[in-house]
Amino acid sequence: MWLAPFALLAACQPQLHSDLPTGSAAYDVLNSATAEQNGAYLLHSGDVLAINVFQEPDLTVDEIAIDGLGNLYLPLIGEIRAAGLNQAELSQQIERAYGNGYLRNPRVAVSVKQALSATVSVEGDVMQPGVYQIQPGATLLTAMALARSPTRTAKMDQVLVFRMVNGQRMGARFDLTDVRSGTAPDPQILPGDVVVVGFSAVRGAWRDILEAAPLFNIFTRF
């Protein structure tokens, strides 16, 4: 679902100057960044969770949303902070709360049923730039479909993906023609990623990146 235009180029220009290296382990690095980011999804207000307290059906909650202040309200323990934590951290926090006078050795599992903050920004030479909601398992081709595909003048070998990993901005470049044909893997897209389809009149910092590296398929810090 298309949500809104996303003004990206001007805001990001000062941070994008870099010599991005290439290498034979390109997709290995990409997969490593993806795995690390997958394990660190931080919960946000509006995310809908399921809280399973093992062997305690009265305390188990099948569906609960994080409120606008970033909190949950659970049986017995009341308010508990959730936003800014990952699932494992929230599970541990709930276990400590229930273990403080309520349960002996509680075991809690937290799962995300709906991540309302799971969006990707698609910019550049696509038919419909914007910010889109994505589901788990989304890929670069998914992002292109949401943005109604690249335009006829798009530079198919200049598709950039930017991602934050442990506070570091990472960037990768892909050839969409190879991805579509199956000769290159279709990289996974994660919530918060920014996809930019290159175009003939690339300006400023985007041009610097494109000139610095002929082709990447690798996430590297800049």
C-alpha atoms as a PDB file:
ATOM      1  CA  MET A   1       0.000   0.000   0.000  1.00  0.00           C
ATOM      2  CA  TRP A   2       1.397   3.393  -1.008  1.00  0.00           C
ATOM      3  CA  LEU A   3       1.627   5.768   1.929  1.00  0.00           C
ATOM      4  CA  ALA A   4       3.388   9.017   1.052  1.00  0.00           C
ATOM      5  CA  PRO A   5       6.222  10.555  -0.973  1.00  0.00           C
ATOM      6  CA  PHE A   6       9.593  10.475   0.727  1.00  0.00           C
ATOM      7  CA  ALA A   7      12.051  13.333   0.197  1.00  0.00           C
ATOM      8  CA  LEU A   8      15.381  11.577   0.542  1.00  0.00           C
ATOM      9  CA  LEU A   9      18.071  12.952  -1.726  1.00  0.00           C
ATOM     10  CA  ALA A  10      18.611  16.352  -0.167  1.00  0.00           C
ATOM     11  CA  ALA A  11      18.561  15.049   3.378  1.00  0.00           C
ATOM     12  CA  CYS A  12      21.113  12.314   2.789  1.00  0.00           C
ATOM     13  CA  GLN A  13      23.639  14.049   0.562  1.00  0.00           C
ATOM     14  CA  PRO A  14      26.183  15.129   3.205  1.00  0.00           C
ATOM     15  CA  GLN A  15      26.657  11.572   4.493  1.00  0.00           C
ATOM     16  CA  LEU A  16      27.062   9.569   1.309  1.00  0.00           C
ATOM     17  CA  HIS A  17      30.596  10.369   0.116  1.00  0.00           C
ATOM     18  CA  SER A  18      32.695   7.205   0.233  1.00  0.00           C
ATOM     19  CA  ASP A  19      34.864   4.789  -1.715  1.00  0.00           C
ATOM     20  CA  LEU A  20      32.774   1.635  -1.565  1.00  0.00           C
ATOM     21  CA  PRO A  21      34.943  -1.486  -2.021  1.00  0.00           C
ATOM     22  CA  THR A  22      33.986  -4.525  -4.083  1.00  0.00           C
ATOM     23  CA  GLY A  23      34.927  -8.151  -3.483  1.00  0.00           C
ATOM     24  CA  SER A  24      34.187 -11.798  -4.144  1.00  0.00           C
ATOM     25  CA  ALA A  25      32.326 -12.178  -0.837  1.00  0.00           C
ATOM     26  CA  ALA A  26      29.670  -9.645  -1.831  1.00  0.00           C
ATOM     27  CA  TYR A  27      26.548 -11.666  -1.121  1.00  0.00           C
ATOM     28  CA  ASP A  28      28.149 -13.194   1.963  1.00  0.00           C
ATOM     29  CA  VAL A  29      28.466  -9.703   3.399  1.00  0.00           C
ATOM     30  CA  LEU A  30      24.898  -8.857   2.357  1.00  0.00           C
ATOM     31  CA  ASN A  31      23.530 -11.979   4.022  1.00  0.00           C
ATOM     32  CA  SER A  32      25.511 -11.234   7.177  1.00  0.00           C
ATOM     33  CA  ALA A  33      24.067  -7.724   7.402  1.00  0.00           C
ATOM     34  CA  THR A  34      20.574  -9.089   6.814  1.00  0.00           C
ATOM     35  CA  ALA A  35      20.901 -11.756   9.505  1.00  0.00           C
ATOM     36  CA  GLU A  36      22.255  -9.253  12.007  1.00  0.00           C
ATOM     37  CA  GLN A  37      19.471  -6.788  11.301  1.00  0.00           C
ATOM     38  CA  ASN A  38      16.777  -9.481  11.447  1.00  0.00           C
ATOM     39  CA  GLY A  39      17.857 -10.401  14.952  1.00  0.00           C
ATOM     40  CA  ALA A  40      17.720  -6.807  16.150  1.00  0.00           C
ATOM     41  CA  TYR A  41      14.237  -5.628  15.132  1.00  0.00           C
ATOM     42  CA  LEU A  42      13.223  -2.981  17.626  1.00  0.00           C
ATOM     43  CA  LEU A  43       9.601  -2.772  18.658  1.00  0.00           C
ATOM     44  CA  HIS A  44       7.613   0.403  17.987  1.00  0.00           C
ATOM     45  CA  SER A  45       4.344   1.975  19.065  1.00  0.00           C
ATOM     46  CA  GLY A  46       1.534   0.369  17.080  1.00  0.00           C
ATOM     47  CA  ASP A  47       3.210  -3.027  16.724  1.00  0.00           C
ATOM     48  CA  VAL A  48       0.812  -5.852  17.626  1.00  0.00           C
ATOM     49  CA  LEU A  49       2.328  -8.614  19.764  1.00  0.00           C
ATOM     50  CA  ALA A  50       1.438 -12.012  21.179  1.00  0.00           C
ATOM     51  CA  ILE A  51       2.693 -12.686  24.722  1.00  0.00           C
ATOM     52  CA  ASN A  52       2.882 -16.367  25.653  1.00  0.00           C
ATOM     53  CA  VAL A  53       3.502 -17.107  29.346  1.00  0.00           C
ATOM     54  CA  PHE A  54       4.191 -20.839  29.380  1.00  0.00           C
ATOM     55  CA  GLN A  55       1.749 -22.932  31.414  1.00  0.00           C
ATOM     56  CA  GLU A  56      -0.109 -19.765  32.442  1.00  0.00           C
ATOM     57  CA  PRO A  57      -3.100 -19.414  30.094  1.00  0.00           C
ATOM     58  CA  ASP A  58      -4.668 -16.676  32.233  1.00  0.00           C
ATOM     59  CA  LEU A  59      -1.583 -14.515  31.717  1.00  0.00           C
ATOM     60  CA  THR A  60      -1.075 -15.319  28.038  1.00  0.00           C
ATOM     61  CA  VAL A  61      -2.237 -12.557  25.673  1.00  0.00           C
ATOM     62  CA  ASP A  62      -3.002 -13.527  22.088  1.00  0.00           C
ATOM     63  CA  GLU A  63      -3.008  -9.994  20.735  1.00  0.00           C
ATOM     64  CA  ILE A  64      -1.933  -6.712  22.276  1.00  0.00           C
ATOM     65  CA  ALA A  65      -0.762  -3.449  20.720  1.00  0.00           C
ATOM     66  CA  ILE A  66       2.037  -1.242  22.000  1.00  0.00           C
ATOM     67  CA  ASP A  67       0.395   2.069  22.889  1.00  0.00           C
ATOM     68  CA  GLY A  68       1.421   5.527  21.697  1.00  0.00           C
ATOM     69  CA  LEU A  69       3.761   5.943  24.669  1.00  0.00           C
ATOM     70  CA  GLY A  70       5.560   2.691  23.873  1.00  0.00           C
ATOM     71  CA  ASN A  71       4.055   0.634  26.695  1.00  0.00           C
ATOM     72  CA  LEU A  72       2.080  -2.573  27.184  1.00  0.00           C
ATOM     73  CA  TYR A  73      -0.435  -3.328  29.941  1.00  0.00           C
ATOM     74  CA  LEU A  74      -0.271  -6.960  31.065  1.00  0.00           C
ATOM     75  CA  PRO A  75      -2.209  -8.970  33.661  1.00  0.00           C
ATOM     76  CA  LEU A  76      -0.891  -8.585  37.235  1.00  0.00           C
ATOM     77  CA  ILE A  77       2.185  -6.522  36.332  1.00  0.00           C
ATOM     78  CA  GLY A  78       0.405  -3.657  34.590  1.00  0.00           C
ATOM     79  CA  GLU A  79       2.479  -1.200  32.571  1.00  0.00           C
ATOM     80  CA  ILE A  80       5.728  -2.382  31.029  1.00  0.00           C
ATOM     81  CA  ARG A  81       8.003  -0.653  28.521  1.00  0.00           C
ATOM     82  CA  ALA A  82       8.155  -2.307  25.090  1.00  0.00           C
ATOM     83  CA  ALA A  83       9.153   0.248  22.439  1.00  0.00           C
ATOM     84  CA  GLY A  84      12.878   0.299  21.712  1.00  0.00           C
ATOM     85  CA  LEU A  85      13.384  -3.316  22.810  1.00  0.00           C
ATOM     86  CA  ASN A  86      13.743  -6.376  20.624  1.00  0.00           C
ATOM     87  CA  GLN A  87      11.601  -9.449  21.224  1.00  0.00           C
ATOM     88  CA  ALA A  88      14.180 -11.245  23.387  1.00  0.00           C
ATOM     89  CA  GLU A  89      14.728  -8.181  25.569  1.00  0.00           C
ATOM     90  CA  LEU A  90      11.004  -7.703  26.093  1.00  0.00           C
ATOM     91  CA  SER A  91      10.608 -11.408  26.947  1.00  0.00           C
ATOM     92  CA  GLN A  92      13.324 -11.090  29.596  1.00  0.00           C
ATOM     93  CA  GLN A  93      11.770  -7.922  31.016  1.00  0.00           C
ATOM     94  CA  ILE A  94       8.349  -9.587  31.343  1.00  0.00           C
ATOM     95  CA  GLU A  95       9.943 -12.662  32.940  1.00  0.00           C
ATOM     96  CA  ARG A  96      11.632 -10.470  35.548  1.00  0.00           C
ATOM     97  CA  ALA A  97       8.377  -8.663  36.258  1.00  0.00           C
ATOM     98  CA  TYR A  98       6.387 -11.888  36.710  1.00  0.00           C
ATOM     99  CA  GLY A  99       9.217 -13.430  38.698  1.00  0.00           C
ATOM    100  CA  ASN A 100       9.085 -10.573  41.187  1.00  0.00           C
ATOM    101  CA  GLY A 101       6.499 -12.054  43.537  1.00  0.00           C
ATOM    102  CA  TYR A 102       4.049 -13.582  41.057  1.00  0.00           C
ATOM    103  CA  LEU A 103       5.523 -16.665  39.349  1.00  0.00           C
ATOM    104  CA  ARG A 104       8.404 -19.031  39.967  1.00  0.00           C
ATOM    105  CA  ASN A 105      10.841 -19.217  37.038  1.00  0.00           C
ATOM    106  CA  PRO A 106       8.425 -17.769  34.461  1.00  0.00           C
ATOM    107  CA  ARG A 107       9.084 -18.410  30.797  1.00  0.00           C
ATOM    108  CA  VAL A 108       7.796 -15.884  28.289  1.00  0.00           C
ATOM    109  CA  ALA A 109       7.847 -15.781  24.492  1.00  0.00           C
ATOM    110  CA  VAL A 110       7.084 -12.601  22.545  1.00  0.00           C
ATOM    111  CA  SER A 111       6.167 -12.673  18.868  1.00  0.00           C
ATOM    112  CA  VAL A 112       5.276  -9.850  16.478  1.00  0.00           C
ATOM    113  CA  LYS A 113       1.903 -10.394  14.820  1.00  0.00           C
ATOM    114  CA  GLN A 114       1.847  -7.116  12.931  1.00  0.00           C
ATOM    115  CA  ALA A 115       4.681  -4.619  12.617  1.00  0.00           C
ATOM    116  CA  LEU A 116       3.034  -1.346  11.655  1.00  0.00           C
ATOM    117  CA  SER A 117       6.428   0.334  11.412  1.00  0.00           C
ATOM    118  CA  ALA A 118       7.648  -2.156   8.769  1.00  0.00           C
ATOM    119  CA  THR A 119       8.124   0.177   5.824  1.00  0.00           C
ATOM    120  CA  VAL A 120      10.587   0.667   2.976  1.00  0.00           C
ATOM    121  CA  SER A 121      11.258   3.901   1.089  1.00  0.00           C
ATOM    122  CA  VAL A 122      11.601   3.668  -2.700  1.00  0.00           C
ATOM    123  CA  GLU A 123      13.029   6.666  -4.569  1.00  0.00           C
ATOM    124  CA  GLY A 124      14.581   7.547  -7.880  1.00  0.00           C
ATOM    125  CA  ASP A 125      13.486   6.517 -11.351  1.00  0.00           C
ATOM    126  CA  VAL A 126      10.413   4.447 -10.482  1.00  0.00           C
ATOM    127  CA  MET A 127       6.808   4.931 -11.542  1.00  0.00           C
ATOM    128  CA  GLN A 128       5.515   5.695  -8.046  1.00  0.00           C
ATOM    129  CA  PRO A 129       8.130   6.716  -5.444  1.00  0.00           C
ATOM    130  CA  GLY A 130       6.992   6.565  -1.855  1.00  0.00           C
ATOM    131  CA  VAL A 131       7.014   4.827   1.506  1.00  0.00           C
ATOM    132  CA  TYR A 132       5.431   1.369   1.492  1.00  0.00           C
ATOM    133  CA  GLN A 133       4.480  -1.177   4.106  1.00  0.00           C
ATOM    134  CA  ILE A 134       6.229  -4.529   3.666  1.00  0.00           C
ATOM    135  CA  GLN A 135       5.688  -8.000   5.044  1.00  0.00           C
ATOM    136  CA  PRO A 136       8.356 -10.410   6.337  1.00  0.00           C
ATOM    137  CA  GLY A 137      10.284 -11.966   3.458  1.00  0.00           C
ATOM    138  CA  ALA A 138      10.107  -8.883   1.229  1.00  0.00           C
ATOM    139  CA  THR A 139      12.820  -8.615  -1.420  1.00  0.00           C
ATOM    140  CA  LEU A 140      14.171  -6.055  -3.860  1.00  0.00           C
ATOM    141  CA  LEU A 141      11.691  -7.234  -6.488  1.00  0.00           C
ATOM    142  CA  THR A 142       8.901  -6.776  -3.941  1.00  0.00           C
ATOM    143  CA  ALA A 143       9.970  -3.166  -3.462  1.00  0.00           C
ATOM    144  CA  MET A 144      10.039  -2.618  -7.214  1.00  0.00           C
ATOM    145  CA  ALA A 145       6.529  -4.032  -7.545  1.00  0.00           C
ATOM    146  CA  LEU A 146       5.215  -1.772  -4.791  1.00  0.00           C
ATOM    147  CA  ALA A 147       6.664   1.249  -6.601  1.00  0.00           C
ATOM    148  CA  ARG A 148       5.045   0.115  -9.869  1.00  0.00           C
ATOM    149  CA  SER A 149       8.413  -0.855 -11.430  1.00  0.00           C
ATOM    150  CA  PRO A 150      11.266   1.283 -12.766  1.00  0.00           C
ATOM    151  CA  THR A 151      10.545   3.732 -15.566  1.00  0.00           C
ATOM    152  CA  ARG A 152      11.655   3.043 -19.136  1.00  0.00           C
ATOM    153  CA  THR A 153      14.634   5.371 -18.673  1.00  0.00           C
ATOM    154  CA  ALA A 154      15.830   3.847 -15.393  1.00  0.00           C
ATOM    155  CA  LYS A 155      19.428   2.675 -15.076  1.00  0.00           C
ATOM    156  CA  MET A 156      18.793  -0.944 -14.170  1.00  0.00           C
ATOM    157  CA  ASP A 157      22.374  -1.506 -12.987  1.00  0.00           C
ATOM    158  CA  GLN A 158      22.172   1.443 -10.599  1.00  0.00           C
ATOM    159  CA  VAL A 159      19.781   0.198  -7.916  1.00  0.00           C
ATOM    160  CA  LEU A 160      21.012   1.207  -4.481  1.00  0.00           C
ATOM    161  CA  VAL A 161      19.880  -0.159  -1.118  1.00  0.00           C
ATOM    162  CA  PHE A 162      20.735   1.664   2.105  1.00  0.00           C
ATOM    163  CA  ARG A 163      20.380   0.148   5.568  1.00  0.00           C
ATOM    164  CA  MET A 164      21.235   1.000   9.167  1.00  0.00           C
ATOM    165  CA  VAL A 165      23.131  -1.806  10.940  1.00  0.00           C
ATOM    166  CA  ASN A 166      24.197  -1.256  14.562  1.00  0.00           C
ATOM    167  CA  GLY A 167      24.030   2.495  14.079  1.00  0.00           C
ATOM    168  CA  GLN A 168      26.112   2.414  10.885  1.00  0.00           C
ATOM    169  CA  ARG A 169      24.707   3.380   7.492  1.00  0.00           C
ATOM    170  CA  MET A 170      25.398   0.588   4.989  1.00  0.00           C
ATOM    171  CA  GLY A 171      24.984   0.725   1.227  1.00  0.00           C
ATOM    172  CA  ALA A 172      24.853  -1.804  -1.607  1.00  0.00           C
ATOM    173  CA  ARG A 173      24.378  -1.619  -5.354  1.00  0.00           C
ATOM    174  CA  PHE A 174      22.537  -4.162  -7.497  1.00  0.00           C
ATOM    175  CA  ASP A 175      21.879  -4.872 -11.156  1.00  0.00           C
ATOM    176  CA  LEU A 176      18.108  -5.287 -11.336  1.00  0.00           C
ATOM    177  CA  THR A 177      18.287  -6.968 -14.746  1.00  0.00           C
ATOM    178  CA  ASP A 178      20.418  -9.768 -13.264  1.00  0.00           C
ATOM    179  CA  VAL A 179      18.103 -10.099 -10.274  1.00  0.00           C
ATOM    180  CA  ARG A 180      15.023 -10.321 -12.492  1.00  0.00           C
ATOM    181  CA  SER A 181      16.606 -12.922 -14.745  1.00  0.00           C
ATOM    182  CA  GLY A 182      17.685 -15.069 -11.820  1.00  0.00           C
ATOM    183  CA  THR A 183      21.398 -14.778 -12.559  1.00  0.00           C
ATOM    184  CA  ALA A 184      21.824 -12.854  -9.273  1.00  0.00           C
ATOM    185  CA  PRO A 185      19.994 -13.481  -5.983  1.00  0.00           C
ATOM    186  CA  ASP A 186      17.025 -11.312  -5.067  1.00  0.00           C
ATOM    187  CA  PRO A 187      18.252  -9.557  -1.889  1.00  0.00           C
ATOM    188  CA  GLN A 188      16.016  -9.352   1.141  1.00  0.00           C
ATOM    189  CA  ILE A 189      14.596  -5.935   2.024  1.00  0.00           C
ATOM    190  CA  LEU A 190      14.173  -5.099   5.715  1.00  0.00           C
ATOM    191  CA  PRO A 191      12.039  -2.515   7.528  1.00  0.00           C
ATOM    192  CA  GLY A 192      13.701   0.877   7.352  1.00  0.00           C
ATOM    193  CA  ASP A 193      15.636   0.174   4.154  1.00  0.00           C
ATOM    194  CA  VAL A 194      15.874   2.871   1.486  1.00  0.00           C
ATOM    195  CA  VAL A 195      15.909   1.771  -2.173  1.00  0.00           C
ATOM    196  CA  VAL A 196      17.030   4.246  -4.841  1.00  0.00           C
ATOM    197  CA  VAL A 197      16.809   3.426  -8.556  1.00  0.00           C
ATOM    198  CA  GLY A 198      19.578   5.270 -10.385  1.00  0.00           C
ATOM    199  CA  PHE A 199      18.839   7.529 -13.319  1.00  0.00           C
ATOM    200  CA  SER A 200      20.685   9.495 -15.977  1.00  0.00           C
ATOM    201  CA  ALA A 201      20.687  12.824 -14.151  1.00  0.00           C
ATOM    202  CA  VAL A 202      21.974  11.541 -10.812  1.00  0.00           C
ATOM    203  CA  ARG A 203      23.150  14.517  -8.783  1.00  0.00           C
ATOM    204  CA  GLY A 204      25.437  15.252  -5.862  1.00  0.00           C
ATOM    205  CA  ALA A 205      26.305  12.495  -3.435  1.00  0.00           C
ATOM    206  CA  TRP A 206      24.353   9.834  -5.314  1.00  0.00           C
ATOM    207  CA  ARG A 207      26.586  10.473  -8.320  1.00  0.00           C
ATOM    208  CA  ASP A 208      29.673  10.186  -6.106  1.00  0.00           C
ATOM    209  CA  ILE A 209      28.622   6.707  -4.998  1.00  0.00           C
ATOM    210  CA  LEU A 210      27.820   5.543  -8.511  1.00  0.00           C
ATOM    211  CA  GLU A 211      31.171   6.764  -9.799  1.00  0.00           C
ATOM    212  CA  ALA A 212      33.075   5.235  -6.913  1.00  0.00           C
ATOM    213  CA  ALA A 213      32.027   1.669  -7.688  1.00  0.00           C
ATOM    214  CA  PRO A 214      31.041  -0.045 -10.936  1.00  0.00           C
ATOM    215  CA  LEU A 215      28.926  -2.723  -9.199  1.00  0.00           C
ATOM    216  CA  PHE A 216      28.617  -3.993  -5.657  1.00  0.00           C
ATOM    217  CA  ASN A 217      25.898  -6.379  -4.518  1.00  0.00           C
ATOM    218  CA  ILE A 218      27.468  -5.763  -1.107  1.00  0.00           C
ATOM    219  CA  PHE A 219      26.523  -3.806   1.983  1.00  0.00           C
ATOM    220  CA  THR A 220      29.425  -1.694   3.166  1.00  0.00           C
ATOM    221  CA  ARG A 221      29.739   1.172   5.631  1.00  0.00           C
ATOM    222  CA  PHE A 222      30.044   4.782   4.431  1.00  0.00           C
END
